[in-house]
Amino acid sequence: MPLTPELADHYRRMLRVHADDPVTGTCPVCRRSRCEDFHFARTQLVCAGERLDLDLS
């Protein structure tokens, strides 16, 4: 099912915020590696056929 542009942007922001920190290897919010919020957002984007790039500028 297609996502609205706003919802797709929201999920991309979730990917950026919850991406594992390269130094600690964990999500800076959840303190877990590959946290559920990251996976949920990624799944929603992939299932909708949306791009996964994180450039929101």
PDB file of N, CA and C in Angstrom:
ATOM      1  N   MET A   1       0.850  -1.176   0.000  1.00  0.00           N
ATOM      2  CA  MET A   1       0.000   0.000   0.000  1.00  0.00           C
ATOM      3  C   MET A   1       0.896   1.240   0.000  1.00  0.00           C
ATOM      4  N   PRO A   2       0.594   2.223  -0.817  1.00  0.00           N
ATOM      5  CA  PRO A   2       1.417   3.433  -0.873  1.00  0.00           C
ATOM      6  C   PRO A   2       1.336   4.249   0.425  1.00  0.00           C
ATOM      7  N   LEU A   3       2.418   4.916   0.723  1.00  0.00           N
ATOM      8  CA  LEU A   3       2.469   5.805   1.886  1.00  0.00           C
ATOM      9  C   LEU A   3       2.327   7.244   1.420  1.00  0.00           C
ATOM     10  N   THR A   4       1.766   8.080   2.265  1.00  0.00           N
ATOM     11  CA  THR A   4       1.753   9.499   1.952  1.00  0.00           C
ATOM     12  C   THR A   4       3.194   9.998   2.032  1.00  0.00           C
ATOM     13  N   PRO A   5       3.520  11.063   1.316  1.00  0.00           N
ATOM     14  CA  PRO A   5       4.886  11.593   1.396  1.00  0.00           C
ATOM     15  C   PRO A   5       5.286  11.948   2.832  1.00  0.00           C
ATOM     16  N   GLU A   6       4.336  12.446   3.602  1.00  0.00           N
ATOM     17  CA  GLU A   6       4.626  12.815   4.994  1.00  0.00           C
ATOM     18  C   GLU A   6       4.965  11.587   5.833  1.00  0.00           C
ATOM     19  N   LEU A   7       4.206  10.506   5.642  1.00  0.00           N
ATOM     20  CA  LEU A   7       4.463   9.292   6.420  1.00  0.00           C
ATOM     21  C   LEU A   7       5.782   8.652   5.992  1.00  0.00           C
ATOM     22  N   ALA A   8       6.068   8.656   4.702  1.00  0.00           N
ATOM     23  CA  ALA A   8       7.349   8.118   4.232  1.00  0.00           C
ATOM     24  C   ALA A   8       8.507   8.917   4.831  1.00  0.00           C
ATOM     25  N   ASP A   9       8.386  10.238   4.870  1.00  0.00           N
ATOM     26  CA  ASP A   9       9.427  11.069   5.491  1.00  0.00           C
ATOM     27  C   ASP A   9       9.558  10.766   6.978  1.00  0.00           C
ATOM     28  N   HIS A  10       8.441  10.552   7.643  1.00  0.00           N
ATOM     29  CA  HIS A  10       8.468  10.203   9.075  1.00  0.00           C
ATOM     30  C   HIS A  10       9.257   8.900   9.282  1.00  0.00           C
ATOM     31  N   TYR A  11       8.979   7.901   8.468  1.00  0.00           N
ATOM     32  CA  TYR A  11       9.701   6.633   8.608  1.00  0.00           C
ATOM     33  C   TYR A  11      11.183   6.794   8.298  1.00  0.00           C
ATOM     34  N   ARG A  12      11.528   7.634   7.340  1.00  0.00           N
ATOM     35  CA  ARG A  12      12.954   7.886   7.054  1.00  0.00           C
ATOM     36  C   ARG A  12      13.622   8.583   8.233  1.00  0.00           C
ATOM     37  N   ARG A  13      12.908   9.492   8.879  1.00  0.00           N
ATOM     38  CA  ARG A  13      13.465  10.130  10.090  1.00  0.00           C
ATOM     39  C   ARG A  13      13.672   9.096  11.187  1.00  0.00           C
ATOM     40  N   MET A  14      12.726   8.163  11.325  1.00  0.00           N
ATOM     41  CA  MET A  14      12.885   7.086  12.311  1.00  0.00           C
ATOM     42  C   MET A  14      14.136   6.268  12.019  1.00  0.00           C
ATOM     43  N   LEU A  15      14.381   5.998  10.732  1.00  0.00           N
ATOM     44  CA  LEU A  15      15.589   5.249  10.373  1.00  0.00           C
ATOM     45  C   LEU A  15      16.839   5.997  10.801  1.00  0.00           C
ATOM     46  N   ARG A  16      16.842   7.297  10.547  1.00  0.00           N
ATOM     47  CA  ARG A  16      18.021   8.090  10.899  1.00  0.00           C
ATOM     48  C   ARG A  16      18.212   8.145  12.420  1.00  0.00           C
ATOM     49  N   VAL A  17      17.151   8.391  13.154  1.00  0.00           N
ATOM     50  CA  VAL A  17      17.243   8.539  14.610  1.00  0.00           C
ATOM     51  C   VAL A  17      17.609   7.222  15.287  1.00  0.00           C
ATOM     52  N   HIS A  18      17.080   6.124  14.780  1.00  0.00           N
ATOM     53  CA  HIS A  18      17.277   4.832  15.441  1.00  0.00           C
ATOM     54  C   HIS A  18      18.377   3.981  14.817  1.00  0.00           C
ATOM     55  N   ALA A  19      19.137   4.535  13.867  1.00  0.00           N
ATOM     56  CA  ALA A  19      20.243   3.777  13.263  1.00  0.00           C
ATOM     57  C   ALA A  19      21.331   3.533  14.309  1.00  0.00           C
ATOM     58  N   ASP A  20      21.941   2.374  14.238  1.00  0.00           N
ATOM     59  CA  ASP A  20      23.009   2.042  15.192  1.00  0.00           C
ATOM     60  C   ASP A  20      24.162   3.031  15.075  1.00  0.00           C
ATOM     61  N   ASP A  21      24.604   3.516  16.213  1.00  0.00           N
ATOM     62  CA  ASP A  21      25.759   4.404  16.278  1.00  0.00           C
ATOM     63  C   ASP A  21      27.002   3.589  15.933  1.00  0.00           C
ATOM     64  N   PRO A  22      27.853   4.077  15.039  1.00  0.00           N
ATOM     65  CA  PRO A  22      29.028   3.291  14.652  1.00  0.00           C
ATOM     66  C   PRO A  22      30.023   3.068  15.787  1.00  0.00           C
ATOM     67  N   VAL A  23      30.036   3.934  16.778  1.00  0.00           N
ATOM     68  CA  VAL A  23      30.974   3.775  17.892  1.00  0.00           C
ATOM     69  C   VAL A  23      30.461   2.748  18.900  1.00  0.00           C
ATOM     70  N   THR A  24      29.197   2.892  19.318  1.00  0.00           N
ATOM     71  CA  THR A  24      28.655   1.995  20.339  1.00  0.00           C
ATOM     72  C   THR A  24      28.030   0.737  19.758  1.00  0.00           C
ATOM     73  N   GLY A  25      27.621   0.796  18.478  1.00  0.00           N
ATOM     74  CA  GLY A  25      26.978  -0.356  17.862  1.00  0.00           C
ATOM     75  C   GLY A  25      25.541  -0.551  18.301  1.00  0.00           C
ATOM     76  N   THR A  26      24.958   0.487  18.930  1.00  0.00           N
ATOM     77  CA  THR A  26      23.570   0.394  19.381  1.00  0.00           C
ATOM     78  C   THR A  26      22.799   1.645  18.973  1.00  0.00           C
ATOM     79  N   CYS A  27      21.491   1.540  19.022  1.00  0.00           N
ATOM     80  CA  CYS A  27      20.617   2.680  18.766  1.00  0.00           C
ATOM     81  C   CYS A  27      20.823   3.698  19.885  1.00  0.00           C
ATOM     82  N   PRO A  28      21.034   4.977  19.556  1.00  0.00           N
ATOM     83  CA  PRO A  28      21.252   5.973  20.600  1.00  0.00           C
ATOM     84  C   PRO A  28      20.007   6.249  21.445  1.00  0.00           C
ATOM     85  N   VAL A  29      18.834   5.874  20.954  1.00  0.00           N
ATOM     86  CA  VAL A  29      17.592   6.088  21.694  1.00  0.00           C
ATOM     87  C   VAL A  29      17.264   4.874  22.552  1.00  0.00           C
ATOM     88  N   CYS A  30      17.253   3.702  21.928  1.00  0.00           N
ATOM     89  CA  CYS A  30      16.826   2.470  22.606  1.00  0.00           C
ATOM     90  C   CYS A  30      17.960   1.723  23.312  1.00  0.00           C
ATOM     91  N   ARG A  31      19.200   2.057  22.935  1.00  0.00           N
ATOM     92  CA  ARG A  31      20.389   1.388  23.495  1.00  0.00           C
ATOM     93  C   ARG A  31      20.415  -0.100  23.170  1.00  0.00           C
ATOM     94  N   ARG A  32      19.799  -0.468  22.026  1.00  0.00           N
ATOM     95  CA  ARG A  32      19.815  -1.852  21.571  1.00  0.00           C
ATOM     96  C   ARG A  32      20.296  -1.872  20.130  1.00  0.00           C
ATOM     97  N   SER A  33      21.011  -2.883  19.765  1.00  0.00           N
ATOM     98  CA  SER A  33      21.438  -3.015  18.381  1.00  0.00           C
ATOM     99  C   SER A  33      20.245  -3.426  17.531  1.00  0.00           C
ATOM    100  N   ARG A  34      20.085  -2.742  16.400  1.00  0.00           N
ATOM    101  CA  ARG A  34      19.001  -3.040  15.467  1.00  0.00           C
ATOM    102  C   ARG A  34      17.649  -3.068  16.173  1.00  0.00           C
ATOM    103  N   CYS A  35      17.285  -1.953  16.741  1.00  0.00           N
ATOM    104  CA  CYS A  35      16.076  -1.857  17.560  1.00  0.00           C
ATOM    105  C   CYS A  35      14.800  -2.051  16.737  1.00  0.00           C
ATOM    106  N   GLU A  36      13.714  -2.310  17.447  1.00  0.00           N
ATOM    107  CA  GLU A  36      12.426  -2.587  16.807  1.00  0.00           C
ATOM    108  C   GLU A  36      11.907  -1.392  16.016  1.00  0.00           C
ATOM    109  N   ASP A  37      12.121  -0.172  16.497  1.00  0.00           N
ATOM    110  CA  ASP A  37      11.645   1.009  15.773  1.00  0.00           C
ATOM    111  C   ASP A  37      12.323   1.132  14.414  1.00  0.00           C
ATOM    112  N   PHE A  38      13.621   0.861  14.356  1.00  0.00           N
ATOM    113  CA  PHE A  38      14.346   0.896  13.089  1.00  0.00           C
ATOM    114  C   PHE A  38      13.770  -0.139  12.131  1.00  0.00           C
ATOM    115  N   HIS A  39      13.593  -1.358  12.616  1.00  0.00           N
ATOM    116  CA  HIS A  39      13.079  -2.425  11.758  1.00  0.00           C
ATOM    117  C   HIS A  39      11.653  -2.144  11.291  1.00  0.00           C
ATOM    118  N   PHE A  40      10.815  -1.596  12.160  1.00  0.00           N
ATOM    119  CA  PHE A  40       9.443  -1.283  11.775  1.00  0.00           C
ATOM    120  C   PHE A  40       9.421  -0.247  10.657  1.00  0.00           C
ATOM    121  N   ALA A  41      10.181   0.826  10.826  1.00  0.00           N
ATOM    122  CA  ALA A  41      10.209   1.881   9.821  1.00  0.00           C
ATOM    123  C   ALA A  41      10.746   1.349   8.497  1.00  0.00           C
ATOM    124  N   ARG A  42      11.806   0.568   8.556  1.00  0.00           N
ATOM    125  CA  ARG A  42      12.391   0.005   7.331  1.00  0.00           C
ATOM    126  C   ARG A  42      11.395  -0.905   6.637  1.00  0.00           C
ATOM    127  N   THR A  43      10.717  -1.741   7.373  1.00  0.00           N
ATOM    128  CA  THR A  43       9.728  -2.651   6.796  1.00  0.00           C
ATOM    129  C   THR A  43       8.603  -1.890   6.107  1.00  0.00           C
ATOM    130  N   GLN A  44       8.117  -0.831   6.749  1.00  0.00           N
ATOM    131  CA  GLN A  44       7.042  -0.048   6.156  1.00  0.00           C
ATOM    132  C   GLN A  44       7.476   0.567   4.831  1.00  0.00           C
ATOM    133  N   LEU A  45       8.682   1.096   4.794  1.00  0.00           N
ATOM    134  CA  LEU A  45       9.191   1.711   3.559  1.00  0.00           C
ATOM    135  C   LEU A  45       9.389   0.668   2.460  1.00  0.00           C
ATOM    136  N   VAL A  46       9.979  -0.456   2.807  1.00  0.00           N
ATOM    137  CA  VAL A  46      10.238  -1.502   1.815  1.00  0.00           C
ATOM    138  C   VAL A  46       8.923  -2.045   1.260  1.00  0.00           C
ATOM    139  N   CYS A  47       7.969  -2.324   2.126  1.00  0.00           N
ATOM    140  CA  CYS A  47       6.689  -2.878   1.675  1.00  0.00           C
ATOM    141  C   CYS A  47       5.919  -1.904   0.783  1.00  0.00           C
ATOM    142  N   ALA A  48       6.132  -0.622   0.987  1.00  0.00           N
ATOM    143  CA  ALA A  48       5.454   0.387   0.176  1.00  0.00           C
ATOM    144  C   ALA A  48       6.247   0.726  -1.087  1.00  0.00           C
ATOM    145  N   GLY A  49       7.416   0.107  -1.252  1.00  0.00           N
ATOM    146  CA  GLY A  49       8.234   0.386  -2.431  1.00  0.00           C
ATOM    147  C   GLY A  49       8.897   1.753  -2.397  1.00  0.00           C
ATOM    148  N   GLU A  50       9.085   2.295  -1.205  1.00  0.00           N
ATOM    149  CA  GLU A  50       9.702   3.612  -1.039  1.00  0.00           C
ATOM    150  C   GLU A  50      11.210   3.502  -0.973  1.00  0.00           C
ATOM    151  N   ARG A  51      11.887   4.576  -1.289  1.00  0.00           N
ATOM    152  CA  ARG A  51      13.342   4.607  -1.190  1.00  0.00           C
ATOM    153  C   ARG A  51      13.755   4.642   0.286  1.00  0.00           C
ATOM    154  N   LEU A  52      14.932   4.120   0.559  1.00  0.00           N
ATOM    155  CA  LEU A  52      15.417   4.047   1.933  1.00  0.00           C
ATOM    156  C   LEU A  52      16.468   5.076   2.260  1.00  0.00           C
ATOM    157  N   ASP A  53      16.804   5.965   1.308  1.00  0.00           N
ATOM    158  CA  ASP A  53      17.853   6.944   1.603  1.00  0.00           C
ATOM    159  C   ASP A  53      17.442   7.819   2.784  1.00  0.00           C
ATOM    160  N   LEU A  54      18.418   8.285   3.515  1.00  0.00           N
ATOM    161  CA  LEU A  54      18.161   9.031   4.736  1.00  0.00           C
ATOM    162  C   LEU A  54      18.380  10.520   4.573  1.00  0.00           C
ATOM    163  N   ASP A  55      18.558  10.980   3.356  1.00  0.00           N
ATOM    164  CA  ASP A  55      18.789  12.412   3.125  1.00  0.00           C
ATOM    165  C   ASP A  55      17.480  13.166   3.207  1.00  0.00           C
ATOM    166  N   LEU A  56      17.296  13.925   4.302  1.00  0.00           N
ATOM    167  CA  LEU A  56      16.054  14.664   4.508  1.00  0.00           C
ATOM    168  C   LEU A  56      16.264  16.169   4.368  1.00  0.00           C
ATOM    169  N   SER A  57      17.421  16.582   3.868  1.00  0.00           N
ATOM    170  CA  SER A  57      17.697  18.004   3.771  1.00  0.00           C
ATOM    171  C   SER A  57      16.940  18.649   2.633  1.00  0.00           C
TER     172      SER A  57
END
